[in-house]
N, C-alpha and C. Protein backbone atom coordinates (compact mmCIF):
# COMPACT_ATOMS: atom_id res chain seq x y z
N MET A 1 -58.03 -16.50 68.60
CA MET A 1 -59.13 -17.49 67.87
C MET A 1 -60.42 -16.68 67.19
N ARG A 2 -60.60 -15.22 67.97
CA ARG A 2 -61.53 -14.71 67.28
C ARG A 2 -61.57 -13.97 65.86
N SER A 3 -59.93 -13.25 66.03
CA SER A 3 -59.03 -12.72 64.85
C SER A 3 -59.45 -13.87 63.46
N PHE A 4 -58.83 -14.81 63.99
CA PHE A 4 -58.76 -16.31 62.95
C PHE A 4 -60.29 -16.77 62.16
N LEU A 5 -60.96 -16.79 63.09
CA LEU A 5 -62.64 -16.89 62.89
C LEU A 5 -62.86 -16.03 61.52
N LEU A 6 -62.84 -15.03 61.78
CA LEU A 6 -63.23 -13.17 60.97
C LEU A 6 -62.14 -13.64 59.84
N PHE A 7 -61.24 -13.95 59.70
CA PHE A 7 -60.10 -14.42 58.98
C PHE A 7 -60.89 -15.06 57.73
N CYS A 8 -61.41 -16.45 58.45
CA CYS A 8 -62.22 -17.63 57.49
C CYS A 8 -63.44 -16.76 56.88
N VAL A 9 -63.86 -16.23 57.36
CA VAL A 9 -65.14 -15.48 57.26
C VAL A 9 -64.99 -14.31 56.11
N LEU A 10 -63.86 -13.58 56.06
CA LEU A 10 -63.57 -12.61 54.88
C LEU A 10 -63.26 -13.61 53.67
N ILE A 11 -62.65 -14.95 53.59
CA ILE A 11 -61.96 -15.63 52.49
C ILE A 11 -63.27 -16.37 52.22
N PHE A 12 -64.19 -16.76 52.84
CA PHE A 12 -65.24 -17.24 52.41
C PHE A 12 -66.30 -16.69 51.41
N GLN A 13 -66.13 -16.37 50.16
CA GLN A 13 -66.79 -15.73 49.31
C GLN A 13 -66.73 -16.43 48.07
N VAL A 14 -66.88 -17.48 48.14
CA VAL A 14 -66.63 -17.98 46.57
C VAL A 14 -68.42 -18.80 46.26
N PRO A 15 -68.78 -18.75 44.97
CA PRO A 15 -70.04 -19.29 44.66
C PRO A 15 -69.94 -20.59 44.65
N PHE A 16 -71.17 -21.75 44.59
CA PHE A 16 -70.88 -22.97 44.04
C PHE A 16 -71.88 -23.33 43.14
N ALA A 17 -71.66 -24.08 42.37
CA ALA A 17 -72.92 -24.34 41.50
C ALA A 17 -73.98 -25.57 42.03
N LEU A 18 -73.64 -26.71 42.76
CA LEU A 18 -74.35 -27.39 43.67
C LEU A 18 -74.10 -26.94 45.09
N ALA A 19 -74.97 -26.81 45.74
CA ALA A 19 -75.14 -26.79 47.53
C ALA A 19 -76.48 -27.20 48.03
N TRP A 20 -75.98 -28.17 49.01
CA TRP A 20 -77.41 -28.39 49.93
C TRP A 20 -77.44 -28.38 51.22
N GLN A 21 -78.39 -28.30 52.27
CA GLN A 21 -78.17 -28.21 53.74
C GLN A 21 -78.26 -29.65 54.17
N GLY A 22 -77.13 -29.95 54.94
CA GLY A 22 -77.33 -31.09 55.80
C GLY A 22 -76.89 -31.28 57.12
N VAL A 23 -77.05 -32.36 57.54
CA VAL A 23 -76.65 -32.41 59.34
C VAL A 23 -75.78 -33.86 59.18
N VAL A 24 -74.64 -32.90 60.21
CA VAL A 24 -73.31 -34.37 59.99
C VAL A 24 -73.70 -35.39 61.17
N ASP A 25 -74.00 -36.64 60.45
CA ASP A 25 -74.34 -37.55 61.32
C ASP A 25 -73.00 -38.39 62.45
N GLN A 26 -71.94 -38.11 61.82
CA GLN A 26 -70.67 -38.63 61.90
C GLN A 26 -69.31 -37.82 61.44
N VAL A 27 -68.49 -37.76 62.13
CA VAL A 27 -66.88 -37.65 61.92
C VAL A 27 -66.19 -39.03 61.73
N VAL A 28 -65.83 -39.44 60.53
CA VAL A 28 -65.34 -40.65 60.60
C VAL A 28 -64.09 -40.52 60.92
N ASP A 29 -63.26 -39.19 60.42
CA ASP A 29 -61.69 -38.89 60.63
C ASP A 29 -61.83 -37.35 60.49
N GLY A 30 -60.89 -36.80 60.52
CA GLY A 30 -60.57 -35.54 60.35
C GLY A 30 -61.31 -34.82 58.90
N ASP A 31 -61.12 -35.42 57.92
CA ASP A 31 -61.60 -35.07 56.84
C ASP A 31 -62.75 -36.01 56.16
N SER A 32 -62.88 -36.58 56.64
CA SER A 32 -64.73 -37.44 56.47
C SER A 32 -65.57 -37.59 57.08
N LEU A 33 -66.56 -36.87 56.38
CA LEU A 33 -68.06 -36.86 57.24
C LEU A 33 -68.95 -37.94 56.19
N LYS A 34 -69.92 -37.94 57.61
CA LYS A 34 -71.32 -38.64 57.08
C LYS A 34 -72.20 -37.64 57.27
N ILE A 35 -72.76 -36.98 56.05
CA ILE A 35 -73.75 -35.97 56.47
C ILE A 35 -75.34 -35.89 56.00
N ARG A 36 -76.43 -36.10 56.93
CA ARG A 36 -77.33 -36.41 56.38
C ARG A 36 -78.11 -35.22 55.59
N HIS A 37 -78.85 -35.98 54.36
CA HIS A 37 -79.48 -34.62 53.24
C HIS A 37 -81.08 -34.27 53.87
N GLU A 38 -81.65 -33.31 53.44
CA GLU A 38 -82.67 -32.96 54.37
C GLU A 38 -83.70 -33.87 53.74
N SER A 39 -83.55 -34.59 52.72
CA SER A 39 -84.23 -36.32 52.43
C SER A 39 -84.28 -37.49 52.94
N GLY A 40 -83.38 -37.19 53.94
CA GLY A 40 -83.05 -38.10 54.69
C GLY A 40 -81.96 -39.40 54.24
N ARG A 41 -81.40 -38.81 52.82
CA ARG A 41 -80.21 -39.91 52.49
C ARG A 41 -78.75 -39.30 53.53
N VAL A 42 -77.72 -40.07 53.79
CA VAL A 42 -76.78 -40.12 54.23
C VAL A 42 -75.86 -40.15 53.18
N TYR A 43 -74.88 -39.21 52.83
CA TYR A 43 -73.92 -39.01 51.96
C TYR A 43 -72.15 -38.78 52.92
N ASN A 44 -71.58 -40.12 51.88
CA ASN A 44 -70.15 -40.04 52.19
C ASN A 44 -69.59 -38.67 51.66
N VAL A 45 -68.90 -37.91 52.74
CA VAL A 45 -68.41 -36.37 52.19
C VAL A 45 -66.88 -36.36 52.57
N GLN A 46 -65.88 -36.36 51.18
CA GLN A 46 -64.45 -35.71 51.33
C GLN A 46 -64.39 -34.17 52.00
N LEU A 47 -63.36 -33.98 52.43
CA LEU A 47 -63.38 -32.52 52.43
C LEU A 47 -62.38 -32.23 51.32
N TYR A 48 -63.00 -31.34 50.42
CA TYR A 48 -61.97 -30.90 49.54
C TYR A 48 -60.99 -30.08 49.57
N GLY A 49 -59.53 -30.34 49.09
CA GLY A 49 -58.53 -29.45 49.13
C GLY A 49 -57.76 -29.54 50.46
N VAL A 50 -57.79 -30.30 51.49
CA VAL A 50 -57.22 -30.69 52.46
C VAL A 50 -57.09 -31.82 53.07
N ARG A 51 -56.01 -32.56 53.91
CA ARG A 51 -56.03 -33.61 54.49
C ARG A 51 -55.81 -33.36 55.86
N THR A 52 -56.19 -34.07 56.70
CA THR A 52 -55.64 -34.03 57.78
C THR A 52 -54.87 -35.67 58.32
N PRO A 53 -54.23 -35.52 59.14
CA PRO A 53 -53.54 -36.96 59.54
C PRO A 53 -53.91 -37.83 59.83
N GLN A 54 -53.68 -39.25 59.14
CA GLN A 54 -54.43 -40.64 59.06
C GLN A 54 -54.92 -40.79 60.76
N LEU A 55 -55.58 -41.83 61.26
CA LEU A 55 -55.75 -41.49 62.65
C LEU A 55 -54.78 -42.57 63.16
N SER A 56 -54.26 -43.10 62.40
CA SER A 56 -52.99 -43.84 62.92
C SER A 56 -51.72 -43.04 63.11
N GLN A 57 -51.67 -41.77 62.73
CA GLN A 57 -51.08 -41.02 62.48
C GLN A 57 -50.52 -40.23 63.94
N PRO A 58 -49.56 -39.67 64.25
CA PRO A 58 -49.55 -38.32 65.35
C PRO A 58 -50.46 -37.29 64.70
N SER A 59 -51.49 -36.79 66.03
CA SER A 59 -52.18 -35.93 65.64
C SER A 59 -53.68 -36.52 65.05
N GLY A 60 -53.85 -37.65 64.25
CA GLY A 60 -54.72 -37.98 63.73
C GLY A 60 -55.71 -37.96 64.83
N LEU A 61 -55.98 -38.45 65.87
CA LEU A 61 -56.74 -38.55 66.63
C LEU A 61 -57.24 -37.39 66.95
N GLU A 62 -56.99 -36.18 67.21
CA GLU A 62 -56.83 -34.42 67.60
C GLU A 62 -57.46 -34.09 66.58
N ALA A 63 -57.37 -34.40 65.02
CA ALA A 63 -57.69 -33.74 64.02
C ALA A 63 -59.11 -33.84 64.03
N LYS A 64 -59.56 -35.31 64.59
CA LYS A 64 -61.00 -35.96 64.24
C LYS A 64 -61.93 -35.27 65.54
N GLU A 65 -60.98 -35.39 66.51
CA GLU A 65 -61.66 -34.67 67.56
C GLU A 65 -61.96 -33.07 67.29
N ALA A 66 -61.06 -32.41 67.43
CA ALA A 66 -61.53 -30.83 66.55
C ALA A 66 -62.90 -30.63 65.57
N ALA A 67 -62.40 -31.71 64.65
CA ALA A 67 -63.75 -31.77 62.96
C ALA A 67 -64.99 -32.37 64.26
N ARG A 68 -65.14 -33.02 64.83
CA ARG A 68 -66.35 -33.50 65.52
C ARG A 68 -66.85 -32.72 66.69
N LYS A 69 -66.18 -31.85 67.50
CA LYS A 69 -66.42 -30.69 68.56
C LYS A 69 -67.33 -29.62 67.25
N LEU A 70 -66.75 -29.24 66.54
CA LEU A 70 -67.26 -28.15 65.65
C LEU A 70 -68.03 -28.27 64.94
N VAL A 71 -68.57 -29.42 64.20
CA VAL A 71 -69.81 -30.18 63.34
C VAL A 71 -70.27 -31.24 63.51
N GLU A 72 -70.39 -31.98 64.15
CA GLU A 72 -71.01 -33.50 64.57
C GLU A 72 -72.31 -32.89 65.37
N GLY A 73 -73.46 -33.43 64.84
CA GLY A 73 -74.69 -33.06 65.26
C GLY A 73 -75.33 -32.06 64.60
N LYS A 74 -74.27 -30.87 63.41
CA LYS A 74 -74.86 -29.14 63.48
C LYS A 74 -75.16 -29.33 61.94
N SER A 75 -76.24 -28.30 61.76
CA SER A 75 -76.15 -28.47 60.11
C SER A 75 -75.04 -27.37 59.63
N VAL A 76 -74.90 -28.00 58.81
CA VAL A 76 -74.11 -27.47 57.42
C VAL A 76 -74.40 -27.41 56.17
N ASN A 77 -73.88 -26.33 55.49
CA ASN A 77 -73.57 -26.39 53.99
C ASN A 77 -72.59 -27.19 53.16
N VAL A 78 -73.44 -27.83 52.25
CA VAL A 78 -72.04 -28.69 51.32
C VAL A 78 -72.24 -28.32 50.40
N GLN A 79 -71.39 -28.13 49.99
CA GLN A 79 -70.76 -27.41 48.62
C GLN A 79 -69.77 -27.98 47.84
N VAL A 80 -70.74 -28.59 46.62
CA VAL A 80 -70.27 -29.97 46.09
C VAL A 80 -69.57 -29.43 45.23
N ILE A 81 -68.02 -29.93 44.90
CA ILE A 81 -66.76 -29.33 44.09
C ILE A 81 -67.48 -31.34 42.80
N ASN A 82 -67.06 -31.99 43.34
CA ASN A 82 -67.53 -33.13 42.44
C ASN A 82 -67.74 -34.57 43.42
N VAL A 83 -67.78 -35.58 42.58
CA VAL A 83 -68.07 -37.32 42.81
C VAL A 83 -67.19 -37.91 42.82
N ASN A 84 -66.39 -38.79 43.65
CA ASN A 84 -65.39 -39.85 43.58
C ASN A 84 -65.94 -40.68 42.66
N PRO A 85 -65.33 -41.62 42.38
CA PRO A 85 -65.31 -42.60 41.76
C PRO A 85 -66.14 -43.83 42.29
N ASN A 86 -66.04 -43.90 43.81
CA ASN A 86 -66.17 -44.68 44.59
C ASN A 86 -68.07 -44.04 45.33
N GLY A 87 -68.46 -43.00 44.61
CA GLY A 87 -69.36 -42.38 45.15
C GLY A 87 -69.31 -41.19 46.10
N SER A 88 -68.29 -41.00 46.53
CA SER A 88 -68.41 -40.05 47.83
C SER A 88 -68.23 -38.76 47.26
N THR A 89 -68.88 -37.76 48.10
CA THR A 89 -69.12 -36.21 47.72
C THR A 89 -67.78 -35.41 48.10
N VAL A 90 -66.93 -34.95 47.21
CA VAL A 90 -66.11 -34.05 47.34
C VAL A 90 -66.47 -32.55 47.67
N ALA A 91 -66.19 -32.16 48.52
CA ALA A 91 -66.81 -30.72 48.85
C ALA A 91 -66.54 -29.93 50.40
N VAL A 92 -66.54 -28.63 50.08
CA VAL A 92 -66.38 -27.82 51.10
C VAL A 92 -67.66 -27.52 51.82
N ILE A 93 -66.86 -27.45 53.38
CA ILE A 93 -68.02 -27.76 54.00
C ILE A 93 -68.59 -26.36 54.89
N ALA A 94 -69.50 -25.36 54.68
CA ALA A 94 -69.71 -24.20 55.10
C ALA A 94 -70.42 -24.47 56.80
N ILE A 95 -69.92 -24.05 57.34
CA ILE A 95 -70.50 -23.80 59.08
C ILE A 95 -71.19 -22.57 59.26
N ASN A 96 -72.40 -22.16 59.22
CA ASN A 96 -73.47 -21.28 59.58
C ASN A 96 -73.69 -20.32 58.54
N ASP A 97 -72.62 -20.70 57.05
CA ASP A 97 -72.43 -19.74 56.11
C ASP A 97 -71.88 -18.99 56.37
N GLN A 98 -70.60 -19.39 56.89
CA GLN A 98 -69.31 -18.13 56.98
C GLN A 98 -68.46 -18.46 56.82
N TYR A 99 -67.99 -19.47 57.37
CA TYR A 99 -66.56 -19.64 57.34
C TYR A 99 -66.55 -21.30 56.76
N SER A 100 -65.48 -21.95 56.63
CA SER A 100 -65.65 -23.76 56.06
C SER A 100 -64.56 -24.64 57.13
N LEU A 101 -65.17 -25.49 57.36
CA LEU A 101 -64.27 -26.75 57.89
C LEU A 101 -62.93 -26.68 57.85
N GLN A 102 -62.80 -26.36 56.21
CA GLN A 102 -61.28 -27.03 55.81
C GLN A 102 -60.56 -25.53 56.32
N ALA A 103 -60.81 -24.32 56.10
CA ALA A 103 -60.29 -23.14 56.83
C ALA A 103 -60.02 -23.47 58.30
N PHE A 104 -60.93 -23.65 58.96
CA PHE A 104 -60.56 -24.25 60.33
C PHE A 104 -59.60 -25.08 60.75
N LEU A 105 -59.61 -26.09 59.92
CA LEU A 105 -58.88 -26.94 60.17
C LEU A 105 -57.88 -26.89 59.89
N VAL A 106 -56.85 -26.29 58.87
CA VAL A 106 -55.78 -25.63 58.24
C VAL A 106 -55.31 -24.53 59.57
N GLY A 107 -56.08 -23.54 59.45
CA GLY A 107 -55.70 -22.46 60.21
C GLY A 107 -55.24 -23.38 61.64
N SER A 108 -55.99 -24.04 62.18
CA SER A 108 -55.81 -24.27 63.91
C SER A 108 -54.81 -25.60 63.66
N GLY A 109 -54.27 -25.83 62.40
CA GLY A 109 -52.88 -26.71 62.77
C GLY A 109 -53.07 -28.07 62.76
N MET A 110 -54.37 -28.38 61.83
CA MET A 110 -54.77 -29.92 62.01
C MET A 110 -55.20 -30.49 60.60
N ALA A 111 -54.65 -29.86 59.85
CA ALA A 111 -54.71 -30.51 58.20
C ALA A 111 -53.41 -29.55 57.48
N TRP A 112 -53.06 -30.45 56.33
CA TRP A 112 -52.32 -29.89 55.38
C TRP A 112 -53.40 -29.46 54.02
N VAL A 113 -52.65 -28.28 53.27
CA VAL A 113 -53.65 -28.37 51.81
C VAL A 113 -53.49 -29.41 51.33
N TYR A 114 -53.90 -30.00 50.44
CA TYR A 114 -53.81 -31.53 49.78
C TYR A 114 -52.79 -30.82 48.30
N ASP A 115 -51.42 -31.20 48.32
CA ASP A 115 -50.74 -30.91 47.23
C ASP A 115 -51.55 -31.52 46.22
N GLY A 116 -51.49 -30.51 44.83
CA GLY A 116 -52.21 -30.85 43.45
C GLY A 116 -53.61 -31.34 43.57
N HIS A 117 -54.05 -31.11 44.25
CA HIS A 117 -55.52 -31.22 44.66
C HIS A 117 -56.74 -30.14 44.92
N CYS A 118 -55.74 -29.27 44.72
CA CYS A 118 -56.68 -27.79 45.60
C CYS A 118 -56.32 -26.49 44.66
N ASP A 119 -57.45 -26.53 43.58
CA ASP A 119 -56.78 -25.39 42.61
C ASP A 119 -57.90 -24.40 42.64
N LEU A 120 -58.68 -24.19 43.78
CA LEU A 120 -59.86 -23.16 43.49
C LEU A 120 -59.17 -21.66 44.33
N LYS A 121 -59.60 -20.71 44.12
CA LYS A 121 -59.00 -19.64 44.68
C LYS A 121 -58.61 -19.76 45.95
N MET A 122 -59.69 -19.93 46.82
CA MET A 122 -59.49 -20.13 47.89
C MET A 122 -58.60 -21.19 48.74
N CYS A 123 -57.75 -21.82 47.88
CA CYS A 123 -56.71 -22.62 48.26
C CYS A 123 -55.28 -21.58 48.59
N THR A 124 -55.20 -20.74 47.65
CA THR A 124 -54.03 -19.79 47.86
C THR A 124 -54.25 -19.17 49.24
N GLN A 125 -55.28 -18.98 49.79
CA GLN A 125 -55.51 -18.39 51.19
C GLN A 125 -55.33 -19.48 52.26
N TRP A 126 -55.96 -20.38 51.99
CA TRP A 126 -55.38 -22.28 52.85
C TRP A 126 -54.20 -22.25 53.09
N ASN A 127 -53.19 -22.27 51.78
CA ASN A 127 -51.91 -22.38 51.96
C ASN A 127 -51.36 -21.16 52.54
N ALA A 128 -51.87 -19.96 52.70
CA ALA A 128 -51.64 -18.98 53.62
C ALA A 128 -51.99 -19.11 55.09
N MET A 129 -52.94 -19.47 55.26
CA MET A 129 -53.24 -20.18 56.36
C MET A 129 -52.26 -21.27 57.18
N GLU A 130 -52.15 -22.15 56.58
CA GLU A 130 -51.31 -23.17 56.45
C GLU A 130 -49.76 -22.80 57.41
N GLN A 131 -49.22 -21.55 56.53
CA GLN A 131 -48.19 -21.26 56.78
C GLN A 131 -47.84 -20.66 58.05
N GLN A 132 -49.10 -19.74 58.24
CA GLN A 132 -49.22 -19.16 59.65
C GLN A 132 -49.15 -20.14 61.00
N ALA A 133 -49.83 -21.07 60.33
CA ALA A 133 -50.12 -22.47 61.51
C ALA A 133 -48.65 -22.75 61.79
N ARG A 134 -47.79 -23.22 60.64
CA ARG A 134 -46.72 -23.54 60.73
C ARG A 134 -45.24 -22.72 61.74
N THR A 135 -45.65 -21.75 61.51
CA THR A 135 -44.64 -20.39 62.13
C THR A 135 -45.34 -20.70 63.56
N ALA A 136 -46.56 -20.73 63.82
CA ALA A 136 -47.22 -20.37 65.29
C ALA A 136 -46.74 -21.88 65.62
N GLU A 137 -46.60 -22.78 64.98
CA GLU A 137 -46.59 -24.41 66.04
C GLU A 137 -47.54 -24.70 66.41
N ARG A 138 -48.62 -24.48 65.42
CA ARG A 138 -50.10 -24.61 66.34
C ARG A 138 -50.42 -26.45 65.50
N GLY A 139 -51.01 -27.37 66.38
CA GLY A 139 -51.63 -28.66 66.24
C GLY A 139 -50.10 -29.45 65.76
N LEU A 140 -50.74 -30.20 64.65
CA LEU A 140 -49.35 -30.87 64.48
C LEU A 140 -48.02 -30.53 63.70
N TRP A 141 -47.86 -29.06 63.69
CA TRP A 141 -46.88 -28.30 63.42
C TRP A 141 -46.05 -28.25 64.57
N LYS A 142 -46.43 -28.67 65.92
CA LYS A 142 -45.36 -28.72 66.87
C LYS A 142 -44.38 -29.82 66.52
N ASP A 143 -44.91 -31.06 65.84
CA ASP A 143 -43.89 -32.02 65.53
C ASP A 143 -43.18 -31.41 64.38
N ALA A 144 -41.44 -31.57 64.56
CA ALA A 144 -40.43 -30.57 63.94
C ALA A 144 -40.71 -31.15 62.36
N ASN A 145 -40.83 -32.41 62.15
CA ASN A 145 -41.14 -33.03 60.92
C ASN A 145 -42.60 -33.64 60.55
N PRO A 146 -43.73 -33.30 60.64
CA PRO A 146 -44.84 -34.16 60.21
C PRO A 146 -44.81 -34.56 58.95
N VAL A 147 -45.33 -35.67 59.11
CA VAL A 147 -45.41 -36.70 57.50
C VAL A 147 -46.57 -36.54 57.22
N ALA A 148 -46.98 -35.93 55.62
CA ALA A 148 -48.17 -35.42 55.22
C ALA A 148 -49.02 -36.77 55.10
N PRO A 149 -50.33 -37.18 54.97
CA PRO A 149 -51.18 -38.36 55.09
C PRO A 149 -50.46 -39.08 53.97
N TRP A 150 -50.57 -38.36 52.35
CA TRP A 150 -50.23 -39.17 51.31
C TRP A 150 -49.19 -39.60 51.22
N LYS A 151 -48.27 -38.99 52.06
CA LYS A 151 -46.62 -39.84 52.03
C LYS A 151 -46.71 -40.92 53.01
N TRP A 152 -47.30 -40.62 53.97
CA TRP A 152 -47.46 -41.96 54.93
C TRP A 152 -48.03 -43.22 54.29
N ARG A 153 -49.05 -42.80 53.91
CA ARG A 153 -49.73 -44.10 53.30
C ARG A 153 -49.31 -44.82 52.17
N ALA A 154 -48.17 -44.17 51.76
CA ALA A 154 -47.31 -44.60 49.92
C ALA A 154 -46.16 -45.15 51.00
N GLY A 155 -45.57 -44.79 52.22
CA GLY A 155 -44.49 -45.24 53.08
C GLY A 155 -45.19 -46.56 53.33
N SER A 156 -46.39 -46.60 53.96
CA SER A 156 -46.98 -47.85 54.72
C SER A 156 -47.29 -49.25 53.55
N LYS A 157 -47.73 -48.47 52.33
CA LYS A 157 -47.60 -49.95 51.29
C LYS A 157 -46.50 -50.39 50.80
N LYS A 158 -45.46 -49.61 50.91
CA LYS A 158 -44.27 -50.06 50.53
C LYS A 158 -43.57 -50.76 51.55
N ALA A 159 -44.05 -50.56 52.71
CA ALA A 159 -43.15 -51.43 53.99
C ALA A 159 -44.05 -52.41 53.92
N ALA A 160 -45.45 -52.92 53.78
CA ALA A 160 -46.08 -53.77 53.42
C ALA A 160 -45.61 -54.69 52.39
N VAL A 161 -45.28 -54.01 51.11
CA VAL A 161 -44.93 -54.84 49.91
C VAL A 161 -43.72 -55.69 50.42
N ALA A 162 -42.84 -54.66 50.93
CA ALA A 162 -41.56 -55.07 51.37
C ALA A 162 -41.17 -56.40 52.36
N LYS A 163 -42.53 -56.56 53.53
CA LYS A 163 -42.37 -57.48 54.25
C LYS A 163 -43.16 -58.35 53.71
N LYS A 164 -43.76 -58.71 52.46
CA LYS A 164 -44.63 -60.04 51.87
C LYS A 164 -43.65 -60.38 51.12
N LYS A 165 -42.59 -59.58 50.44
CA LYS A 165 -41.65 -60.14 49.68
C LYS A 165 -40.79 -60.99 50.69
N THR A 166 -40.39 -60.71 51.92
CA THR A 166 -39.32 -61.05 52.89
C THR A 166 -39.86 -62.12 53.41
N ALA A 167 -41.51 -62.55 53.71
CA ALA A 167 -41.93 -63.57 54.34
C ALA A 167 -41.83 -64.58 53.17
N VAL A 168 -42.06 -64.12 51.66
CA VAL A 168 -41.72 -65.38 50.39
C VAL A 168 -40.19 -65.76 50.55
N LYS A 169 -39.28 -64.98 50.89
CA LYS A 169 -37.91 -65.62 50.75
C LYS A 169 -37.54 -65.98 51.84
N ARG A 170 -38.50 -66.33 52.90
CA ARG A 170 -38.43 -66.90 54.24
C ARG A 170 -38.63 -68.38 54.42
N LYS A 171 -40.04 -68.54 53.17
CA LYS A 171 -40.58 -69.45 53.13
C LYS A 171 -39.66 -70.58 53.43
N LYS A 172 -40.19 -71.80 53.83
CA LYS A 172 -39.31 -73.22 53.71
C LYS A 172 -39.59 -73.92 52.57
N PRO A 173 -38.72 -74.37 52.00
CA PRO A 173 -39.11 -75.05 50.56
C PRO A 173 -40.11 -76.15 50.68
N VAL A 174 -40.50 -76.68 49.88
CA VAL A 174 -41.08 -78.02 50.21
C VAL A 174 -40.55 -79.11 49.64
N LYS A 175 -40.48 -80.01 50.54
CA LYS A 175 -39.68 -80.89 50.45
C LYS A 175 -40.46 -82.15 49.72
N ARG A 176 -40.00 -82.76 48.92
CA ARG A 176 -40.34 -83.85 47.75
C ARG A 176 -39.89 -85.18 47.99
N LYS A 177 -40.71 -86.00 48.08
CA LYS A 177 -40.70 -87.26 48.35
C LYS A 177 -39.56 -87.89 47.72
N LYS A 178 -38.55 -88.80 48.10
CA LYS A 178 -37.92 -89.37 46.54
C LYS A 178 -38.38 -90.43 46.49
N ALA A 179 -38.18 -90.60 44.80
CA ALA A 179 -38.76 -92.11 44.12
C ALA A 179 -38.14 -93.27 44.93
N VAL A 180 -38.86 -94.19 45.33
CA VAL A 180 -38.06 -95.50 45.32
C VAL A 180 -37.96 -96.37 44.38
N ALA A 181 -36.83 -96.87 43.71
CA ALA A 181 -36.39 -97.33 42.89
C ALA A 181 -36.92 -99.18 42.88
N LYS A 182 -37.84 -99.53 42.19
CA LYS A 182 -38.46 -100.81 42.48
C LYS A 182 -37.39 -101.64 41.82
N PRO A 183 -37.43 -102.88 42.84
CA PRO A 183 -36.41 -104.00 42.49
C PRO A 183 -36.47 -104.61 41.13
N ALA A 184 -35.58 -104.71 40.22
CA ALA A 184 -35.95 -105.19 38.88
C ALA A 184 -35.99 -106.49 39.01
N VAL A 185 -36.92 -106.87 38.20
CA VAL A 185 -38.07 -108.38 38.34
C VAL A 185 -36.72 -109.47 37.21
N GLN A 186 -36.09 -110.16 37.65
CA GLN A 186 -35.14 -110.99 37.11
C GLN A 186 -35.60 -112.41 36.11
N LYS A 187 -35.69 -112.44 34.91
CA LYS A 187 -36.08 -113.32 33.88
C LYS A 187 -35.40 -114.42 34.45
N LYS A 188 -36.10 -115.52 34.56
CA LYS A 188 -35.29 -117.20 34.69
C LYS A 188 -35.10 -117.13 33.22
N SER A 189 -33.89 -118.05 33.31
CA SER A 189 -33.01 -118.36 31.70
C SER A 189 -33.81 -120.09 31.80
N ALA A 190 -33.58 -120.33 30.29
CA ALA A 190 -34.47 -121.68 30.06
C ALA A 190 -33.82 -122.71 30.81
N SER A 191 -32.65 -122.44 31.13
CA SER A 191 -31.88 -123.61 32.17
C SER A 191 -32.76 -123.88 33.54
N ASP A 192 -33.06 -122.16 34.74
CA ASP A 192 -33.69 -122.39 35.60
C ASP A 192 -34.99 -123.02 35.41
N ILE A 193 -35.80 -123.24 34.12
CA ILE A 193 -36.93 -123.58 34.19
C ILE A 193 -37.17 -125.02 34.27
N SER A 194 -38.11 -125.36 35.33
CA SER A 194 -38.07 -126.98 34.86
C SER A 194 -38.60 -127.82 33.81
N VAL A 195 -38.64 -128.83 33.50
CA VAL A 195 -39.00 -129.36 32.42
C VAL A 195 -40.81 -129.18 32.36
N ASP A 196 -41.43 -129.72 33.78
CA ASP A 196 -42.86 -129.23 33.97
C ASP A 196 -42.97 -128.44 33.35
N GLU A 197 -42.61 -127.56 33.99
CA GLU A 197 -42.97 -125.76 33.58
C GLU A 197 -42.88 -125.46 32.23
N GLN A 198 -41.70 -126.09 31.70
CA GLN A 198 -41.61 -126.19 30.27
C GLN A 198 -42.94 -126.48 29.03
N LEU A 199 -43.45 -127.49 29.67
CA LEU A 199 -44.37 -128.64 28.94
C LEU A 199 -45.91 -128.01 29.09
N LYS A 200 -45.85 -126.53 30.09
CA LYS A 200 -47.01 -126.15 30.44
C LYS A 200 -46.97 -125.36 28.98
C-alpha cells in the first residue's frame, strides 16, 4: 500500500488553471461528491476521468465506502477541469496535495478509467494503474467479467425500453360497445288511417 501511494504522489504533478480548497460533506457514490467551499457553498463534484461501479452493480457499495473512508469530512483540493451542463463541477480531487482520489480508486481496483473522457497526461498513468489492478485482481477485478458502468446504464435503458414495448403489446384491446339498431318506424298507408284521422 505504501509503494502504491508513493506512485500516486510521483504522478501527481499537473498544474490546474482553477483550484480551490473545500471539505467533503458527502460521498454520494464512488465518483460523485458534495464538497463545501470555504465560502460555505456546497458544490456537486464529479470525478474527472474515472468511473466507479453504479451502486446497484457488484462492487458499487464497496467503491463508495472506499471513497468515503478516504475523504468524507476531510479537506481536499478541488482542481477544476470543467463544468457540466447540469451545473456539477468536473474535477481532480487532490488529497493533502499529494495524490488524487482518482489514482487511489483506480489503483485499488475500485474504478475504471473512463473511455473517451480522459485525455490529460495523468490518464495514461491511470491506465497503467488500472492494468496493474487487473493483473493483481484487486477490487472489482476479482470478478472475471466486470461491466463498466456506462455499459451497465446502456443495458439497463435497453431493458427498460424492451419491457415497456412488451407491456404495450400485452395490453388488452379496448372493447367497443356494439351499436344497437333502432327499430324502423313503419309508416301507415292511407288505407290504414281512419276517416277521423284523415279529416284532422
